[in-house]
């Protein structure tokens, strides 16, 4: 593994850890609660990030496009009853992404599927996909922090420094 890949995975895992902190001690009911005017919930964000990890792993490993669920717009909604199962699914998806990143060349270009927001996408390097995953996870970790703080006053930042 190159130093660059090691650094990218370190940053990605740091953002994942930050997101996971917001899920600590959360009940299923709380994971479904909206605390802002948006439709976002902590369970919905967790479901979305799980789908993101799986979708990008699908692309990284050059499986047939598009990835399953890519165009399902209910990704931000979670109505399940087992938060532990959803967290396990996220952890499994993370392991799959990490493995795909570890076994690929960062300079390799992979095709992307056509989507409503980009009808003719250009191939993307593995490096750029890793950077996109970092950005995506960090963005939603910020969303999750706000939702959790509104829910019960818990602060991801404070919790990170306590651990």
N, C-alpha and C. Protein backbone atom coordinates (compact mmCIF):
# COMPACT_ATOMS: atom_id res chain seq x y z
N UNK A 1 0.86 -1.17 0.00
CA UNK A 1 0.00 0.00 0.00
C UNK A 1 0.90 1.24 0.00
N UNK A 2 0.58 2.20 -0.86
CA UNK A 2 1.39 3.40 -0.96
C UNK A 2 1.09 4.35 0.21
N UNK A 3 2.00 5.27 0.45
CA UNK A 3 1.78 6.27 1.49
C UNK A 3 0.55 7.11 1.17
N UNK A 4 0.36 7.43 -0.11
CA UNK A 4 -0.79 8.23 -0.50
C UNK A 4 -2.09 7.49 -0.20
N UNK A 5 -2.17 6.22 -0.54
CA UNK A 5 -3.37 5.45 -0.26
C UNK A 5 -3.58 5.33 1.24
N UNK A 6 -2.51 5.11 1.96
CA UNK A 6 -2.61 5.04 3.41
C UNK A 6 -3.17 6.34 3.99
N UNK A 7 -2.70 7.48 3.48
CA UNK A 7 -3.20 8.78 3.94
C UNK A 7 -4.67 8.97 3.58
N UNK A 8 -5.06 8.58 2.38
CA UNK A 8 -6.47 8.71 1.97
C UNK A 8 -7.37 7.85 2.85
N UNK A 9 -6.98 6.61 3.08
CA UNK A 9 -7.77 5.73 3.94
C UNK A 9 -7.82 6.24 5.37
N UNK A 10 -6.72 6.81 5.85
CA UNK A 10 -6.71 7.40 7.20
C UNK A 10 -7.76 8.51 7.30
N UNK A 11 -7.77 9.41 6.33
CA UNK A 11 -8.74 10.51 6.35
C UNK A 11 -10.17 10.01 6.21
N UNK A 12 -10.38 9.06 5.31
CA UNK A 12 -11.72 8.51 5.13
C UNK A 12 -12.19 7.85 6.42
N UNK A 13 -11.34 7.06 7.04
CA UNK A 13 -11.72 6.40 8.28
C UNK A 13 -11.91 7.38 9.43
N UNK A 14 -11.19 8.48 9.42
CA UNK A 14 -11.41 9.52 10.43
C UNK A 14 -12.81 10.13 10.28
N UNK A 15 -13.23 10.38 9.05
CA UNK A 15 -14.57 10.93 8.82
C UNK A 15 -15.65 9.90 9.17
N UNK A 16 -15.40 8.65 8.84
CA UNK A 16 -16.35 7.59 9.20
C UNK A 16 -16.49 7.51 10.71
N UNK A 17 -15.37 7.59 11.42
CA UNK A 17 -15.41 7.54 12.89
C UNK A 17 -16.18 8.72 13.45
N UNK A 18 -15.97 9.88 12.88
CA UNK A 18 -16.72 11.07 13.31
C UNK A 18 -18.21 10.86 13.11
N UNK A 19 -18.58 10.31 11.96
CA UNK A 19 -20.00 10.03 11.72
C UNK A 19 -20.52 9.00 12.71
N UNK A 20 -19.77 7.93 12.95
CA UNK A 20 -20.21 6.87 13.84
C UNK A 20 -20.43 7.37 15.27
N UNK A 21 -19.65 8.38 15.68
CA UNK A 21 -19.83 8.94 17.03
C UNK A 21 -21.25 9.47 17.21
N UNK A 22 -21.82 10.03 16.16
CA UNK A 22 -23.18 10.58 16.29
C UNK A 22 -24.21 9.50 16.51
N UNK A 23 -23.87 8.26 16.22
CA UNK A 23 -24.81 7.15 16.36
C UNK A 23 -24.73 6.47 17.74
N UNK A 24 -23.74 6.85 18.55
CA UNK A 24 -23.55 6.20 19.85
C UNK A 24 -24.74 6.45 20.77
N UNK A 25 -25.24 5.36 21.35
CA UNK A 25 -26.32 5.46 22.33
C UNK A 25 -27.67 5.84 21.76
N UNK A 26 -27.81 5.76 20.46
CA UNK A 26 -29.04 6.19 19.79
C UNK A 26 -30.06 5.05 19.79
N UNK A 27 -31.31 5.38 20.04
CA UNK A 27 -32.38 4.38 19.95
C UNK A 27 -32.92 4.36 18.52
N UNK A 28 -33.65 3.30 18.20
CA UNK A 28 -34.28 3.22 16.87
C UNK A 28 -35.22 4.40 16.66
N UNK A 29 -35.99 4.74 17.70
CA UNK A 29 -36.94 5.86 17.59
C UNK A 29 -36.20 7.17 17.32
N UNK A 30 -35.10 7.38 18.03
CA UNK A 30 -34.33 8.61 17.82
C UNK A 30 -33.70 8.65 16.44
N UNK A 31 -33.30 7.48 15.91
CA UNK A 31 -32.69 7.42 14.58
C UNK A 31 -33.67 7.83 13.49
N UNK A 32 -34.97 7.79 13.79
CA UNK A 32 -36.01 8.14 12.82
C UNK A 32 -36.53 9.57 12.98
N UNK A 33 -36.14 10.24 14.05
CA UNK A 33 -36.68 11.58 14.34
C UNK A 33 -36.05 12.65 13.47
N UNK A 34 -36.91 13.52 12.96
CA UNK A 34 -36.45 14.72 12.26
C UNK A 34 -36.29 15.82 13.32
N UNK A 35 -35.14 16.48 13.30
CA UNK A 35 -34.91 17.55 14.28
C UNK A 35 -34.72 18.90 13.61
N UNK A 36 -34.74 18.91 12.28
CA UNK A 36 -34.61 20.16 11.53
C UNK A 36 -35.75 20.20 10.51
N UNK A 37 -35.82 21.25 9.73
CA UNK A 37 -36.88 21.36 8.73
C UNK A 37 -36.66 20.42 7.55
N UNK A 38 -35.47 19.87 7.41
CA UNK A 38 -35.21 18.94 6.32
C UNK A 38 -35.79 17.57 6.67
N UNK A 39 -35.77 16.67 5.69
CA UNK A 39 -36.25 15.31 5.89
C UNK A 39 -35.18 14.40 6.50
N UNK A 40 -33.97 14.92 6.68
CA UNK A 40 -32.86 14.10 7.14
C UNK A 40 -33.07 13.60 8.56
N UNK A 41 -32.71 12.32 8.74
CA UNK A 41 -32.67 11.71 10.07
C UNK A 41 -31.33 11.00 10.20
N UNK A 42 -30.95 10.66 11.41
CA UNK A 42 -29.69 9.96 11.59
C UNK A 42 -29.72 8.57 10.94
N UNK A 43 -30.83 7.87 11.08
CA UNK A 43 -30.96 6.58 10.41
C UNK A 43 -30.92 6.71 8.90
N UNK A 44 -31.57 7.75 8.38
CA UNK A 44 -31.55 7.99 6.94
C UNK A 44 -30.16 8.30 6.42
N UNK A 45 -29.41 9.10 7.18
CA UNK A 45 -28.03 9.40 6.77
C UNK A 45 -27.16 8.15 6.81
N UNK A 46 -27.36 7.32 7.83
CA UNK A 46 -26.60 6.07 7.93
C UNK A 46 -26.93 5.16 6.74
N UNK A 47 -28.20 5.07 6.41
CA UNK A 47 -28.62 4.26 5.26
C UNK A 47 -27.99 4.80 3.98
N UNK A 48 -28.03 6.12 3.81
CA UNK A 48 -27.46 6.74 2.61
C UNK A 48 -25.95 6.46 2.51
N UNK A 49 -25.22 6.66 3.60
CA UNK A 49 -23.78 6.42 3.55
C UNK A 49 -23.46 4.95 3.29
N UNK A 50 -24.30 4.05 3.78
CA UNK A 50 -24.12 2.62 3.49
C UNK A 50 -24.26 2.38 2.00
N UNK A 51 -25.31 2.97 1.40
CA UNK A 51 -25.53 2.83 -0.04
C UNK A 51 -24.39 3.47 -0.83
N UNK A 52 -23.89 4.61 -0.35
CA UNK A 52 -22.76 5.27 -1.03
C UNK A 52 -21.55 4.35 -1.04
N UNK A 53 -21.21 3.80 0.12
CA UNK A 53 -20.05 2.90 0.20
C UNK A 53 -20.24 1.72 -0.76
N UNK A 54 -21.41 1.11 -0.74
CA UNK A 54 -21.66 -0.04 -1.61
C UNK A 54 -21.63 0.35 -3.09
N UNK A 55 -22.24 1.50 -3.40
CA UNK A 55 -22.27 1.95 -4.79
C UNK A 55 -20.89 2.23 -5.33
N UNK A 56 -20.06 2.93 -4.55
CA UNK A 56 -18.72 3.24 -5.02
C UNK A 56 -17.86 1.98 -5.07
N UNK A 57 -18.06 1.04 -4.16
CA UNK A 57 -17.33 -0.23 -4.23
C UNK A 57 -17.71 -0.97 -5.50
N UNK A 58 -18.97 -0.93 -5.85
CA UNK A 58 -19.46 -1.55 -7.08
C UNK A 58 -18.73 -0.95 -8.29
N UNK A 59 -18.59 0.36 -8.28
CA UNK A 59 -17.90 1.06 -9.37
C UNK A 59 -16.39 0.77 -9.32
N UNK A 60 -15.79 0.82 -8.13
CA UNK A 60 -14.36 0.56 -7.98
C UNK A 60 -13.97 -0.81 -8.51
N UNK A 61 -14.84 -1.78 -8.31
CA UNK A 61 -14.54 -3.14 -8.74
C UNK A 61 -15.06 -3.44 -10.14
N UNK A 62 -15.50 -2.39 -10.83
CA UNK A 62 -15.93 -2.45 -12.23
C UNK A 62 -16.99 -3.51 -12.50
N UNK A 63 -17.98 -3.55 -11.63
CA UNK A 63 -19.13 -4.42 -11.84
C UNK A 63 -20.09 -3.73 -12.81
N UNK A 64 -21.06 -4.45 -13.34
CA UNK A 64 -21.99 -3.83 -14.30
C UNK A 64 -22.66 -2.58 -13.73
N UNK A 65 -22.76 -1.56 -14.57
CA UNK A 65 -23.32 -0.28 -14.14
C UNK A 65 -24.78 -0.19 -14.53
N UNK A 66 -25.56 0.57 -13.82
CA UNK A 66 -25.27 1.30 -12.59
C UNK A 66 -25.34 0.38 -11.37
N UNK A 67 -24.76 0.83 -10.25
CA UNK A 67 -24.84 0.03 -9.03
C UNK A 67 -26.30 -0.10 -8.57
N UNK A 68 -26.66 -1.23 -7.96
CA UNK A 68 -28.02 -1.38 -7.45
C UNK A 68 -28.37 -0.26 -6.47
N UNK A 69 -29.55 0.30 -6.63
CA UNK A 69 -30.04 1.33 -5.72
C UNK A 69 -29.55 2.73 -5.99
N UNK A 70 -28.68 2.91 -7.00
CA UNK A 70 -28.10 4.23 -7.24
C UNK A 70 -29.16 5.30 -7.46
N UNK A 71 -30.23 4.95 -8.13
CA UNK A 71 -31.24 5.95 -8.45
C UNK A 71 -32.45 5.88 -7.52
N UNK A 72 -32.34 5.14 -6.42
CA UNK A 72 -33.42 5.09 -5.44
C UNK A 72 -33.34 6.33 -4.57
N UNK A 73 -34.35 7.17 -4.66
CA UNK A 73 -34.28 8.44 -3.96
C UNK A 73 -34.83 8.37 -2.55
N UNK A 74 -35.11 7.16 -2.06
CA UNK A 74 -35.50 7.02 -0.66
C UNK A 74 -34.29 6.66 0.20
N UNK A 75 -33.10 6.89 -0.33
CA UNK A 75 -31.87 6.57 0.40
C UNK A 75 -31.77 7.30 1.73
N UNK A 76 -32.38 8.45 1.85
CA UNK A 76 -32.25 9.24 3.07
C UNK A 76 -33.34 8.91 4.10
N UNK A 77 -34.17 7.92 3.80
CA UNK A 77 -35.25 7.55 4.70
C UNK A 77 -34.99 6.17 5.27
N UNK A 78 -35.07 6.07 6.58
CA UNK A 78 -34.93 4.78 7.22
C UNK A 78 -36.15 4.54 8.09
N UNK A 79 -36.85 3.46 7.82
CA UNK A 79 -38.05 3.12 8.60
C UNK A 79 -37.90 1.75 9.24
N UNK A 80 -36.67 1.24 9.28
CA UNK A 80 -36.42 -0.08 9.85
C UNK A 80 -36.63 -0.13 11.35
N UNK A 81 -36.40 -1.30 11.90
CA UNK A 81 -36.60 -1.48 13.34
C UNK A 81 -35.35 -1.99 14.04
N UNK A 82 -34.26 -2.18 13.32
CA UNK A 82 -33.05 -2.72 13.93
C UNK A 82 -31.85 -1.84 13.57
N UNK A 83 -31.59 -0.86 14.42
CA UNK A 83 -30.48 0.06 14.17
C UNK A 83 -29.15 -0.69 14.20
N UNK A 84 -29.02 -1.69 15.06
CA UNK A 84 -27.80 -2.48 15.11
C UNK A 84 -27.50 -3.15 13.78
N UNK A 85 -28.55 -3.64 13.13
CA UNK A 85 -28.38 -4.27 11.82
C UNK A 85 -27.93 -3.24 10.78
N UNK A 86 -28.50 -2.05 10.84
CA UNK A 86 -28.11 -0.99 9.91
C UNK A 86 -26.66 -0.58 10.14
N UNK A 87 -26.25 -0.49 11.40
CA UNK A 87 -24.85 -0.16 11.70
C UNK A 87 -23.92 -1.26 11.21
N UNK A 88 -24.32 -2.51 11.37
CA UNK A 88 -23.51 -3.63 10.87
C UNK A 88 -23.40 -3.59 9.35
N UNK A 89 -24.49 -3.24 8.68
CA UNK A 89 -24.46 -3.12 7.22
C UNK A 89 -23.48 -2.04 6.79
N UNK A 90 -23.48 -0.92 7.52
CA UNK A 90 -22.53 0.15 7.22
C UNK A 90 -21.10 -0.34 7.39
N UNK A 91 -20.83 -1.01 8.51
CA UNK A 91 -19.48 -1.50 8.77
C UNK A 91 -19.03 -2.49 7.69
N UNK A 92 -19.94 -3.34 7.24
CA UNK A 92 -19.65 -4.30 6.18
C UNK A 92 -19.34 -3.57 4.86
N UNK A 93 -20.14 -2.55 4.55
CA UNK A 93 -19.91 -1.77 3.33
C UNK A 93 -18.57 -1.05 3.39
N UNK A 94 -18.22 -0.53 4.55
CA UNK A 94 -16.93 0.15 4.74
C UNK A 94 -15.78 -0.83 4.48
N UNK A 95 -15.88 -2.03 5.02
CA UNK A 95 -14.82 -3.03 4.79
C UNK A 95 -14.68 -3.33 3.30
N UNK A 96 -15.81 -3.43 2.60
CA UNK A 96 -15.76 -3.70 1.17
C UNK A 96 -15.09 -2.58 0.40
N UNK A 97 -15.40 -1.34 0.75
CA UNK A 97 -14.78 -0.19 0.09
C UNK A 97 -13.28 -0.17 0.36
N UNK A 98 -12.90 -0.37 1.62
CA UNK A 98 -11.48 -0.35 1.96
C UNK A 98 -10.71 -1.42 1.19
N UNK A 99 -11.27 -2.60 1.09
CA UNK A 99 -10.62 -3.68 0.36
C UNK A 99 -10.47 -3.32 -1.12
N UNK A 100 -11.52 -2.77 -1.70
CA UNK A 100 -11.47 -2.38 -3.11
C UNK A 100 -10.42 -1.29 -3.33
N UNK A 101 -10.32 -0.35 -2.41
CA UNK A 101 -9.32 0.71 -2.54
C UNK A 101 -7.90 0.15 -2.38
N UNK A 102 -7.72 -0.76 -1.44
CA UNK A 102 -6.39 -1.32 -1.19
C UNK A 102 -5.86 -2.12 -2.37
N UNK A 103 -6.74 -2.68 -3.17
CA UNK A 103 -6.30 -3.56 -4.25
C UNK A 103 -6.28 -2.87 -5.61
N UNK A 104 -6.54 -1.58 -5.65
CA UNK A 104 -6.58 -0.86 -6.93
C UNK A 104 -5.46 0.17 -7.02
N UNK A 105 -5.12 0.51 -8.22
CA UNK A 105 -4.16 1.58 -8.46
C UNK A 105 -4.89 2.91 -8.42
N UNK A 106 -4.38 3.86 -7.68
CA UNK A 106 -5.04 5.17 -7.54
C UNK A 106 -5.18 5.90 -8.87
N UNK A 107 -4.29 5.61 -9.82
CA UNK A 107 -4.34 6.28 -11.12
C UNK A 107 -5.29 5.62 -12.11
N UNK A 108 -5.77 4.44 -11.78
CA UNK A 108 -6.67 3.72 -12.69
C UNK A 108 -7.97 4.50 -12.88
N UNK A 109 -8.41 4.57 -14.15
CA UNK A 109 -9.69 5.21 -14.46
C UNK A 109 -10.76 4.14 -14.57
N UNK A 110 -11.92 4.40 -13.94
CA UNK A 110 -13.03 3.46 -14.03
C UNK A 110 -14.25 4.19 -14.60
N UNK A 111 -15.05 3.47 -15.38
CA UNK A 111 -16.24 4.10 -15.97
C UNK A 111 -17.29 4.39 -14.90
N UNK A 112 -18.07 5.43 -15.15
CA UNK A 112 -19.17 5.80 -14.27
C UNK A 112 -20.48 5.60 -15.00
N UNK A 113 -21.54 5.32 -14.27
CA UNK A 113 -22.84 5.14 -14.92
C UNK A 113 -23.47 6.48 -15.28
N UNK A 114 -24.28 6.46 -16.30
CA UNK A 114 -25.08 7.63 -16.64
C UNK A 114 -26.11 7.83 -15.54
N UNK A 115 -26.40 9.08 -15.23
CA UNK A 115 -27.37 9.41 -14.18
C UNK A 115 -28.11 10.68 -14.58
N UNK A 116 -29.25 10.94 -13.98
CA UNK A 116 -30.00 12.17 -14.34
C UNK A 116 -29.18 13.45 -14.17
N UNK A 117 -28.25 13.45 -13.21
CA UNK A 117 -27.44 14.65 -12.97
C UNK A 117 -26.19 14.70 -13.85
N UNK A 118 -25.90 13.61 -14.59
CA UNK A 118 -24.76 13.58 -15.50
C UNK A 118 -25.01 12.48 -16.53
N UNK A 119 -25.50 12.90 -17.70
CA UNK A 119 -25.86 11.95 -18.75
C UNK A 119 -24.65 11.30 -19.42
N UNK A 120 -23.53 11.98 -19.42
CA UNK A 120 -22.33 11.47 -20.10
C UNK A 120 -21.11 11.64 -19.19
N UNK A 121 -21.05 10.87 -18.10
CA UNK A 121 -19.95 11.05 -17.16
C UNK A 121 -18.63 10.55 -17.72
N UNK A 122 -17.58 11.23 -17.37
CA UNK A 122 -16.24 10.83 -17.76
C UNK A 122 -15.71 9.83 -16.73
N UNK A 123 -14.84 8.93 -17.15
CA UNK A 123 -14.25 8.00 -16.17
C UNK A 123 -13.58 8.77 -15.04
N UNK A 124 -13.53 8.14 -13.88
CA UNK A 124 -12.96 8.78 -12.69
C UNK A 124 -11.82 7.90 -12.17
N UNK A 125 -10.78 8.55 -11.68
CA UNK A 125 -9.67 7.79 -11.11
C UNK A 125 -10.07 7.26 -9.73
N UNK A 126 -9.44 6.18 -9.34
CA UNK A 126 -9.66 5.60 -8.02
C UNK A 126 -9.34 6.66 -6.95
N UNK A 127 -8.30 7.44 -7.19
CA UNK A 127 -7.92 8.51 -6.26
C UNK A 127 -9.09 9.49 -6.05
N UNK A 128 -9.67 9.90 -7.17
CA UNK A 128 -10.77 10.87 -7.09
C UNK A 128 -12.00 10.26 -6.40
N UNK A 129 -12.23 8.98 -6.60
CA UNK A 129 -13.33 8.30 -5.91
C UNK A 129 -13.06 8.31 -4.40
N UNK A 130 -11.83 8.02 -4.00
CA UNK A 130 -11.48 8.06 -2.58
C UNK A 130 -11.71 9.46 -2.01
N UNK A 131 -11.29 10.47 -2.75
CA UNK A 131 -11.50 11.86 -2.30
C UNK A 131 -12.99 12.19 -2.22
N UNK A 132 -13.76 11.70 -3.18
CA UNK A 132 -15.21 11.93 -3.16
C UNK A 132 -15.83 11.27 -1.92
N UNK A 133 -15.40 10.07 -1.59
CA UNK A 133 -15.93 9.39 -0.40
C UNK A 133 -15.59 10.15 0.88
N UNK A 134 -14.40 10.72 0.91
CA UNK A 134 -14.03 11.54 2.08
C UNK A 134 -14.96 12.74 2.18
N UNK A 135 -15.17 13.43 1.06
CA UNK A 135 -16.04 14.61 1.07
C UNK A 135 -17.47 14.23 1.44
N UNK A 136 -17.98 13.19 0.83
CA UNK A 136 -19.36 12.75 1.08
C UNK A 136 -19.56 12.39 2.55
N UNK A 137 -18.63 11.63 3.10
CA UNK A 137 -18.74 11.21 4.50
C UNK A 137 -18.61 12.40 5.43
N UNK A 138 -17.68 13.30 5.15
CA UNK A 138 -17.51 14.49 5.99
C UNK A 138 -18.75 15.38 5.96
N UNK A 139 -19.31 15.56 4.78
CA UNK A 139 -20.51 16.39 4.65
C UNK A 139 -21.64 15.82 5.50
N UNK A 140 -21.85 14.51 5.41
CA UNK A 140 -22.95 13.90 6.15
C UNK A 140 -22.63 13.75 7.63
N UNK A 141 -21.36 13.68 7.99
CA UNK A 141 -20.99 13.70 9.41
C UNK A 141 -21.38 15.04 10.02
N UNK A 142 -21.21 16.11 9.25
CA UNK A 142 -21.64 17.44 9.71
C UNK A 142 -23.15 17.52 9.87
N UNK A 143 -23.87 16.98 8.87
CA UNK A 143 -25.33 16.93 8.98
C UNK A 143 -25.74 16.16 10.24
N UNK A 144 -25.11 15.00 10.42
CA UNK A 144 -25.46 14.14 11.55
C UNK A 144 -25.18 14.84 12.88
N UNK A 145 -24.09 15.57 12.96
CA UNK A 145 -23.76 16.29 14.19
C UNK A 145 -24.85 17.30 14.54
N UNK A 146 -25.32 18.03 13.55
CA UNK A 146 -26.39 19.01 13.78
C UNK A 146 -27.67 18.31 14.22
N UNK A 147 -28.03 17.24 13.53
CA UNK A 147 -29.25 16.51 13.87
C UNK A 147 -29.15 15.97 15.30
N UNK A 148 -28.03 15.38 15.65
CA UNK A 148 -27.86 14.81 16.99
C UNK A 148 -27.89 15.89 18.06
N UNK A 149 -27.25 17.01 17.79
CA UNK A 149 -27.25 18.09 18.77
C UNK A 149 -28.66 18.61 18.99
N UNK A 150 -29.44 18.71 17.93
CA UNK A 150 -30.83 19.15 18.05
C UNK A 150 -31.68 18.09 18.75
N UNK A 151 -31.32 16.83 18.59
CA UNK A 151 -32.08 15.73 19.17
C UNK A 151 -31.94 15.69 20.68
N UNK A 152 -30.69 15.69 21.15
CA UNK A 152 -30.50 15.50 22.59
C UNK A 152 -29.32 16.29 23.18
N UNK A 153 -28.78 17.22 22.39
CA UNK A 153 -27.69 18.05 22.89
C UNK A 153 -26.32 17.43 22.81
N UNK A 154 -26.22 16.19 22.33
CA UNK A 154 -24.91 15.55 22.21
C UNK A 154 -24.09 16.24 21.13
N UNK A 155 -22.81 16.44 21.39
CA UNK A 155 -21.91 17.09 20.44
C UNK A 155 -20.85 16.09 20.00
N UNK A 156 -20.79 15.85 18.70
CA UNK A 156 -19.77 14.94 18.16
C UNK A 156 -18.39 15.42 18.53
N UNK A 157 -18.15 16.71 18.41
CA UNK A 157 -16.83 17.27 18.69
C UNK A 157 -16.44 16.99 20.14
N UNK A 158 -17.34 17.26 21.08
CA UNK A 158 -17.04 17.01 22.48
C UNK A 158 -16.78 15.53 22.73
N UNK A 159 -17.60 14.68 22.13
CA UNK A 159 -17.47 13.24 22.32
C UNK A 159 -16.13 12.75 21.76
N UNK A 160 -15.72 13.26 20.62
CA UNK A 160 -14.44 12.84 20.03
C UNK A 160 -13.28 13.17 20.95
N UNK A 161 -13.33 14.32 21.61
CA UNK A 161 -12.24 14.72 22.49
C UNK A 161 -12.28 13.99 23.81
N UNK A 162 -13.44 13.46 24.19
CA UNK A 162 -13.55 12.68 25.42
C UNK A 162 -12.93 11.31 25.23
N UNK A 163 -13.00 10.77 24.00
CA UNK A 163 -12.53 9.39 23.75
C UNK A 163 -11.07 9.37 23.45
